[in-house]
Amino acid sequence: MQFSSLLNLPAIVTDTFTWLQVAFVVLIAIFGIVMIIAVLASPPETGVGNNVITGASESYYTKNKGKNNEGRLKWLIISCAIIISVCAILYFVTYSIYSGGA
């Protein structure tokens, strides 16, 4: 006995599962590419803020400007990871219901 028949889902719901699965895979791919670009764009954690040649430290404005950009990139990476995780879970839930597995 199939799991979808146990739920007594209408035909229109089960027909849209394939489109939902395609949409989830596309979202996972898009946010995965955005996450890869954000990780590659984020600066390494080295560099304390002192100029090696002159010994002068950066101004307060340039330090905070860099931290704001790093904070935005970190927020973007975390939000992309959360969206990818939710889409992957929803994909496998719809796949489980559509294929009849429990």
Protein backbone atom coordinates (compact mmCIF):
# COMPACT_ATOMS: atom_id res chain seq x y z
CA MET A 1 0.00 0.00 0.00
CA GLN A 2 1.41 3.35 -1.00
CA PHE A 3 1.97 6.16 1.45
CA SER A 4 0.22 8.69 -0.81
CA SER A 5 -2.87 6.50 -0.88
CA LEU A 6 -2.84 6.43 2.93
CA LEU A 7 -2.98 10.22 2.96
CA ASN A 8 -5.79 10.30 0.36
CA LEU A 9 -4.21 13.22 -1.47
CA PRO A 10 -6.07 14.66 -4.45
CA ALA A 11 -4.61 14.08 -7.89
CA ILE A 12 -3.79 17.74 -8.40
CA VAL A 13 -1.57 17.72 -5.30
CA THR A 14 0.39 14.68 -6.41
CA ASP A 15 0.70 16.10 -9.93
CA THR A 16 2.28 19.28 -8.60
CA PHE A 17 4.89 17.36 -6.60
CA THR A 18 7.08 16.96 -9.69
CA TRP A 19 7.01 20.72 -10.28
CA LEU A 20 7.75 21.35 -6.63
CA GLN A 21 10.71 19.01 -6.79
CA VAL A 22 12.07 20.81 -9.85
CA ALA A 23 11.59 24.17 -8.11
CA PHE A 24 13.44 22.95 -5.01
CA VAL A 25 16.36 21.66 -7.07
CA VAL A 26 16.58 24.96 -8.97
CA LEU A 27 16.52 26.93 -5.70
CA ILE A 28 19.21 24.70 -4.23
CA ALA A 29 21.39 25.26 -7.30
CA ILE A 30 20.91 29.05 -7.33
CA PHE A 31 21.57 29.52 -3.63
CA GLY A 32 24.49 27.08 -3.82
CA ILE A 33 26.13 29.21 -6.51
CA VAL A 34 25.48 32.39 -4.49
CA MET A 35 26.98 30.74 -1.41
CA ILE A 36 30.09 29.62 -3.32
CA ILE A 37 30.61 33.15 -4.67
CA ALA A 38 30.13 34.64 -1.19
CA VAL A 39 32.65 32.25 0.35
CA LEU A 40 35.18 33.02 -2.36
CA ALA A 41 34.60 36.78 -1.94
CA SER A 42 35.09 36.76 1.82
CA PRO A 43 38.57 37.83 2.91
CA PRO A 44 40.82 35.49 4.85
CA GLU A 45 40.93 35.88 8.64
CA THR A 46 44.62 36.78 8.66
CA GLY A 47 45.77 40.38 8.65
CA VAL A 48 45.34 42.05 12.00
CA GLY A 49 45.09 45.56 10.60
CA ASN A 50 48.70 46.71 10.81
CA ASN A 51 50.52 47.61 7.66
CA VAL A 52 53.62 45.44 7.48
CA ILE A 53 55.79 47.93 5.61
CA THR A 54 55.01 51.19 7.44
CA GLY A 55 53.86 49.80 10.77
CA ALA A 56 50.82 52.08 10.77
CA SER A 57 47.47 50.70 11.75
CA GLU A 58 44.27 51.21 9.82
CA SER A 59 41.88 53.98 10.74
CA TYR A 60 38.71 53.29 12.69
CA TYR A 61 36.56 53.90 9.62
CA THR A 62 38.41 51.43 7.40
CA LYS A 63 38.36 48.76 10.11
CA ASN A 64 34.61 49.06 10.57
CA LYS A 65 33.97 49.29 6.85
CA GLY A 66 35.72 45.96 6.39
CA LYS A 67 33.82 44.42 9.29
CA ASN A 68 30.50 45.58 7.86
CA ASN A 69 31.27 43.94 4.52
CA GLU A 70 32.48 40.79 6.25
CA GLY A 71 29.32 40.77 8.37
CA ARG A 72 27.14 41.04 5.29
CA LEU A 73 29.01 38.21 3.59
CA LYS A 74 28.77 36.06 6.72
CA TRP A 75 25.02 36.75 6.96
CA LEU A 76 24.63 35.89 3.25
CA ILE A 77 26.52 32.61 3.67
CA ILE A 78 24.48 31.58 6.71
CA SER A 79 21.15 32.50 5.13
CA CYS A 80 22.03 30.62 1.91
CA ALA A 81 22.97 27.55 3.95
CA ILE A 82 19.65 27.69 5.82
CA ILE A 83 17.65 28.09 2.60
CA ILE A 84 19.53 25.19 0.97
CA SER A 85 18.87 22.98 4.01
CA VAL A 86 15.16 23.78 4.10
CA CYS A 87 14.79 23.23 0.34
CA ALA A 88 16.63 19.90 0.57
CA ILE A 89 14.40 18.70 3.41
CA LEU A 90 11.26 19.77 1.55
CA TYR A 91 12.50 18.09 -1.63
CA PHE A 92 12.95 14.75 0.10
CA VAL A 93 9.61 15.04 1.88
CA THR A 94 7.82 15.63 -1.40
CA TYR A 95 9.82 12.86 -3.03
CA SER A 96 8.86 10.48 -0.23
CA ILE A 97 5.17 11.31 -0.55
CA TYR A 98 5.18 11.22 -4.35
CA SER A 99 7.06 7.93 -4.65
CA GLY A 100 4.89 6.26 -2.03
CA GLY A 101 7.67 5.39 0.37
CA ALA A 102 7.25 5.68 4.10
